Amino acid sequence: MTELRSTPPVVLAVAGGDVKARALDALQDGARAIIVDCTDAGYLDTTALGSLVSLQRKCDQLQVELFIANLNPELTALFQVAKLDTAFAIAPTVDLALEAATR
């Protein structure tokens, strides 16, 4: 019998440091959804964007949902120009991401 994951979604603030490393730790602990909260992110450089893309690939492999929440208008425009808005599940707020992750 396969045990269903009951671990709640993990919310990580971009301002908290290395999001990818913290997310990989959460995945190793059995997280079934990761929510990256960009509330305090004024910008994301190419290294940060690359880390998010790499994390999305890892989440896809593990069938774990990855949400990006609280993008400011500048980051929203960046995600659209870079076509990342189609690669990620983007939620306007963490609460809406949590709601989607628990469905």
N, C-alpha and C. Protein backbone atom coordinates (compact mmCIF):
# COMPACT_ATOMS: atom_id res chain seq x y z
N MET A 1 0.84 -1.18 0.00
CA MET A 1 0.00 0.00 0.00
C MET A 1 0.89 1.24 0.00
N THR A 2 0.61 2.18 -0.88
CA THR A 2 1.38 3.41 -0.98
C THR A 2 0.85 4.43 0.01
N GLU A 3 1.78 5.01 0.76
CA GLU A 3 1.39 6.03 1.73
C GLU A 3 1.29 7.38 1.02
N LEU A 4 0.18 8.07 1.21
CA LEU A 4 0.01 9.39 0.62
C LEU A 4 0.77 10.41 1.45
N ARG A 5 1.37 11.36 0.77
CA ARG A 5 2.07 12.42 1.50
C ARG A 5 1.06 13.32 2.18
N SER A 6 1.28 13.57 3.44
CA SER A 6 0.39 14.46 4.17
C SER A 6 1.13 15.69 4.66
N THR A 7 2.36 15.87 4.19
CA THR A 7 3.14 17.03 4.59
C THR A 7 2.50 18.29 4.02
N PRO A 8 2.31 19.31 4.85
CA PRO A 8 1.71 20.54 4.33
C PRO A 8 2.67 21.24 3.37
N PRO A 9 2.14 22.12 2.53
CA PRO A 9 3.00 22.89 1.64
C PRO A 9 4.02 23.70 2.44
N VAL A 10 5.19 23.89 1.87
CA VAL A 10 6.26 24.64 2.51
C VAL A 10 6.33 26.01 1.85
N VAL A 11 6.29 27.07 2.66
CA VAL A 11 6.38 28.43 2.15
C VAL A 11 7.79 28.96 2.45
N LEU A 12 8.47 29.41 1.41
CA LEU A 12 9.83 29.93 1.55
C LEU A 12 9.86 31.38 1.09
N ALA A 13 10.37 32.25 1.91
CA ALA A 13 10.50 33.66 1.53
C ALA A 13 11.81 33.85 0.79
N VAL A 14 11.75 34.55 -0.33
CA VAL A 14 12.96 34.83 -1.10
C VAL A 14 13.98 35.56 -0.23
N ALA A 15 13.51 36.44 0.63
CA ALA A 15 14.40 37.23 1.48
C ALA A 15 15.16 36.37 2.48
N GLY A 16 14.76 35.13 2.66
CA GLY A 16 15.39 34.26 3.65
C GLY A 16 16.69 33.63 3.21
N GLY A 17 17.18 33.95 2.03
CA GLY A 17 18.45 33.37 1.59
C GLY A 17 18.28 32.39 0.45
N ASP A 18 19.12 31.38 0.42
CA ASP A 18 19.18 30.43 -0.69
C ASP A 18 17.90 29.59 -0.77
N VAL A 19 16.97 30.05 -1.59
CA VAL A 19 15.67 29.39 -1.72
C VAL A 19 15.83 27.98 -2.24
N LYS A 20 16.68 27.79 -3.24
CA LYS A 20 16.82 26.46 -3.83
C LYS A 20 17.30 25.45 -2.79
N ALA A 21 18.30 25.80 -2.00
CA ALA A 21 18.82 24.88 -0.98
C ALA A 21 17.75 24.55 0.06
N ARG A 22 17.02 25.58 0.48
CA ARG A 22 15.96 25.35 1.47
C ARG A 22 14.84 24.52 0.88
N ALA A 23 14.53 24.75 -0.40
CA ALA A 23 13.48 23.97 -1.06
C ALA A 23 13.91 22.52 -1.22
N LEU A 24 15.16 22.29 -1.59
CA LEU A 24 15.64 20.91 -1.73
C LEU A 24 15.59 20.18 -0.39
N ASP A 25 15.90 20.89 0.70
CA ASP A 25 15.77 20.29 2.04
C ASP A 25 14.31 19.92 2.30
N ALA A 26 13.39 20.81 1.95
CA ALA A 26 11.97 20.54 2.16
C ALA A 26 11.52 19.35 1.32
N LEU A 27 12.01 19.26 0.09
CA LEU A 27 11.66 18.12 -0.76
C LEU A 27 12.17 16.83 -0.16
N GLN A 28 13.38 16.87 0.37
CA GLN A 28 13.95 15.68 1.00
C GLN A 28 13.13 15.26 2.22
N ASP A 29 12.51 16.24 2.87
CA ASP A 29 11.66 15.96 4.04
C ASP A 29 10.24 15.55 3.64
N GLY A 30 9.96 15.49 2.32
CA GLY A 30 8.67 15.00 1.87
C GLY A 30 7.64 16.06 1.54
N ALA A 31 8.06 17.30 1.35
CA ALA A 31 7.09 18.35 1.00
C ALA A 31 6.36 17.97 -0.27
N ARG A 32 5.07 18.25 -0.31
CA ARG A 32 4.28 17.94 -1.51
C ARG A 32 4.00 19.17 -2.34
N ALA A 33 4.37 20.34 -1.80
CA ALA A 33 4.24 21.60 -2.54
C ALA A 33 5.21 22.60 -1.94
N ILE A 34 5.78 23.41 -2.81
CA ILE A 34 6.69 24.47 -2.40
C ILE A 34 6.10 25.79 -2.90
N ILE A 35 6.05 26.77 -2.02
CA ILE A 35 5.58 28.10 -2.40
C ILE A 35 6.71 29.07 -2.14
N VAL A 36 7.17 29.73 -3.19
CA VAL A 36 8.22 30.73 -3.06
C VAL A 36 7.54 32.10 -2.97
N ASP A 37 7.68 32.72 -1.82
CA ASP A 37 7.06 34.02 -1.55
C ASP A 37 8.02 35.14 -1.94
N CYS A 38 7.67 35.90 -2.95
CA CYS A 38 8.52 36.98 -3.47
C CYS A 38 8.14 38.35 -2.93
N THR A 39 7.42 38.39 -1.82
CA THR A 39 6.97 39.66 -1.25
C THR A 39 8.11 40.66 -1.09
N ASP A 40 9.23 40.21 -0.56
CA ASP A 40 10.34 41.12 -0.27
C ASP A 40 11.41 41.12 -1.34
N ALA A 41 11.12 40.57 -2.50
CA ALA A 41 12.10 40.53 -3.59
C ALA A 41 11.92 41.76 -4.47
N GLY A 42 12.85 42.67 -4.41
CA GLY A 42 12.80 43.83 -5.28
C GLY A 42 13.11 43.44 -6.71
N TYR A 43 14.01 42.48 -6.87
CA TYR A 43 14.39 41.97 -8.19
C TYR A 43 14.94 40.57 -8.02
N LEU A 44 15.05 39.85 -9.10
CA LEU A 44 15.70 38.54 -9.13
C LEU A 44 16.74 38.59 -10.24
N ASP A 45 17.99 38.27 -9.91
CA ASP A 45 19.02 38.28 -10.94
C ASP A 45 18.99 36.95 -11.70
N THR A 46 19.87 36.83 -12.69
CA THR A 46 19.85 35.63 -13.53
C THR A 46 20.19 34.37 -12.73
N THR A 47 21.00 34.50 -11.70
CA THR A 47 21.31 33.35 -10.85
C THR A 47 20.06 32.87 -10.12
N ALA A 48 19.29 33.81 -9.58
CA ALA A 48 18.06 33.45 -8.87
C ALA A 48 17.05 32.83 -9.82
N LEU A 49 16.91 33.42 -11.02
CA LEU A 49 15.97 32.86 -12.00
C LEU A 49 16.40 31.46 -12.41
N GLY A 50 17.70 31.27 -12.62
CA GLY A 50 18.21 29.93 -12.96
C GLY A 50 17.94 28.92 -11.86
N SER A 51 18.08 29.36 -10.62
CA SER A 51 17.79 28.47 -9.48
C SER A 51 16.32 28.07 -9.45
N LEU A 52 15.45 29.02 -9.76
CA LEU A 52 14.01 28.70 -9.79
C LEU A 52 13.69 27.71 -10.91
N VAL A 53 14.31 27.91 -12.08
CA VAL A 53 14.08 26.98 -13.19
C VAL A 53 14.58 25.59 -12.83
N SER A 54 15.75 25.51 -12.22
CA SER A 54 16.31 24.23 -11.78
C SER A 54 15.40 23.58 -10.74
N LEU A 55 14.91 24.38 -9.81
CA LEU A 55 14.00 23.86 -8.79
C LEU A 55 12.70 23.36 -9.42
N GLN A 56 12.20 24.07 -10.42
CA GLN A 56 10.98 23.62 -11.11
C GLN A 56 11.19 22.25 -11.74
N ARG A 57 12.34 22.06 -12.35
CA ARG A 57 12.65 20.75 -12.96
C ARG A 57 12.67 19.64 -11.91
N LYS A 58 13.30 19.92 -10.77
CA LYS A 58 13.36 18.94 -9.68
C LYS A 58 11.94 18.63 -9.17
N CYS A 59 11.14 19.66 -9.00
CA CYS A 59 9.76 19.46 -8.54
C CYS A 59 8.97 18.63 -9.56
N ASP A 60 9.18 18.92 -10.85
CA ASP A 60 8.50 18.13 -11.89
C ASP A 60 8.88 16.66 -11.79
N GLN A 61 10.16 16.38 -11.58
CA GLN A 61 10.63 14.99 -11.46
C GLN A 61 9.96 14.28 -10.29
N LEU A 62 9.75 15.01 -9.20
CA LEU A 62 9.19 14.42 -7.99
C LEU A 62 7.67 14.55 -7.92
N GLN A 63 7.07 15.14 -8.94
CA GLN A 63 5.64 15.40 -8.98
C GLN A 63 5.19 16.23 -7.78
N VAL A 64 5.96 17.27 -7.52
CA VAL A 64 5.67 18.21 -6.44
C VAL A 64 5.32 19.55 -7.09
N GLU A 65 4.31 20.20 -6.56
CA GLU A 65 3.90 21.49 -7.10
C GLU A 65 4.82 22.60 -6.60
N LEU A 66 5.19 23.49 -7.51
CA LEU A 66 5.98 24.67 -7.16
C LEU A 66 5.18 25.90 -7.56
N PHE A 67 4.96 26.78 -6.60
CA PHE A 67 4.23 28.02 -6.83
C PHE A 67 5.14 29.21 -6.57
N ILE A 68 4.99 30.24 -7.39
CA ILE A 68 5.66 31.51 -7.16
C ILE A 68 4.55 32.49 -6.77
N ALA A 69 4.70 33.15 -5.62
CA ALA A 69 3.64 34.03 -5.12
C ALA A 69 4.16 35.43 -4.87
N ASN A 70 3.24 36.38 -4.95
CA ASN A 70 3.51 37.79 -4.60
C ASN A 70 4.57 38.44 -5.47
N LEU A 71 4.50 38.23 -6.77
CA LEU A 71 5.41 38.94 -7.67
C LEU A 71 5.00 40.40 -7.77
N ASN A 72 5.95 41.31 -7.65
CA ASN A 72 5.64 42.72 -7.83
C ASN A 72 5.49 42.99 -9.34
N PRO A 73 5.00 44.16 -9.72
CA PRO A 73 4.78 44.43 -11.15
C PRO A 73 6.04 44.27 -12.02
N GLU A 74 7.18 44.67 -11.49
CA GLU A 74 8.42 44.53 -12.26
C GLU A 74 8.79 43.07 -12.48
N LEU A 75 8.65 42.26 -11.43
CA LEU A 75 8.96 40.83 -11.56
C LEU A 75 7.93 40.13 -12.45
N THR A 76 6.68 40.55 -12.36
CA THR A 76 5.65 39.99 -13.24
C THR A 76 6.02 40.25 -14.69
N ALA A 77 6.44 41.48 -14.99
CA ALA A 77 6.85 41.82 -16.36
C ALA A 77 8.07 41.00 -16.78
N LEU A 78 9.03 40.83 -15.87
CA LEU A 78 10.22 40.03 -16.18
C LEU A 78 9.83 38.59 -16.49
N PHE A 79 8.96 38.00 -15.68
CA PHE A 79 8.53 36.63 -15.92
C PHE A 79 7.81 36.52 -17.27
N GLN A 80 7.03 37.54 -17.63
CA GLN A 80 6.33 37.51 -18.91
C GLN A 80 7.29 37.64 -20.08
N VAL A 81 8.23 38.57 -20.01
CA VAL A 81 9.19 38.77 -21.09
C VAL A 81 10.06 37.52 -21.28
N ALA A 82 10.46 36.92 -20.19
CA ALA A 82 11.31 35.72 -20.24
C ALA A 82 10.49 34.45 -20.48
N LYS A 83 9.18 34.59 -20.62
CA LYS A 83 8.27 33.46 -20.83
C LYS A 83 8.26 32.48 -19.65
N LEU A 84 8.66 32.97 -18.49
CA LEU A 84 8.64 32.13 -17.29
C LEU A 84 7.25 32.04 -16.69
N ASP A 85 6.36 32.93 -17.11
CA ASP A 85 4.99 32.89 -16.59
C ASP A 85 4.27 31.64 -17.07
N THR A 86 4.78 31.00 -18.12
CA THR A 86 4.17 29.74 -18.59
C THR A 86 4.87 28.53 -17.98
N ALA A 87 6.05 28.73 -17.39
CA ALA A 87 6.81 27.63 -16.81
C ALA A 87 6.47 27.39 -15.34
N PHE A 88 5.93 28.42 -14.70
CA PHE A 88 5.64 28.33 -13.26
C PHE A 88 4.16 28.55 -12.99
N ALA A 89 3.70 27.95 -11.90
CA ALA A 89 2.37 28.28 -11.38
C ALA A 89 2.55 29.55 -10.55
N ILE A 90 1.95 30.63 -11.00
CA ILE A 90 2.11 31.92 -10.33
C ILE A 90 0.79 32.28 -9.65
N ALA A 91 0.91 32.63 -8.37
CA ALA A 91 -0.26 33.00 -7.59
C ALA A 91 -0.09 34.43 -7.10
N PRO A 92 -1.18 35.20 -7.07
CA PRO A 92 -1.09 36.59 -6.61
C PRO A 92 -0.71 36.71 -5.13
N THR A 93 -1.08 35.71 -4.33
CA THR A 93 -0.78 35.75 -2.89
C THR A 93 -0.38 34.36 -2.41
N VAL A 94 0.27 34.32 -1.27
CA VAL A 94 0.61 33.04 -0.65
C VAL A 94 -0.67 32.28 -0.28
N ASP A 95 -1.66 33.00 0.22
CA ASP A 95 -2.91 32.33 0.61
C ASP A 95 -3.56 31.61 -0.57
N LEU A 96 -3.56 32.25 -1.75
CA LEU A 96 -4.13 31.60 -2.93
C LEU A 96 -3.27 30.43 -3.39
N ALA A 97 -1.97 30.54 -3.24
CA ALA A 97 -1.08 29.42 -3.55
C ALA A 97 -1.33 28.25 -2.61
N LEU A 98 -1.48 28.56 -1.33
CA LEU A 98 -1.78 27.51 -0.34
C LEU A 98 -3.10 26.82 -0.65
N GLU A 99 -4.08 27.62 -1.02
CA GLU A 99 -5.39 27.07 -1.39
C GLU A 99 -5.26 26.12 -2.58
N ALA A 100 -4.53 26.55 -3.60
CA ALA A 100 -4.34 25.72 -4.79
C ALA A 100 -3.53 24.47 -4.46
N ALA A 101 -2.56 24.60 -3.58
CA ALA A 101 -1.68 23.47 -3.24
C ALA A 101 -2.40 22.41 -2.42
N THR A 102 -3.43 22.80 -1.72
CA THR A 102 -4.12 21.83 -0.85
C THR A 102 -5.34 21.21 -1.51
N ARG A 103 -5.56 21.53 -2.76
CA ARG A 103 -6.69 20.91 -3.48
C ARG A 103 -6.36 19.52 -3.89
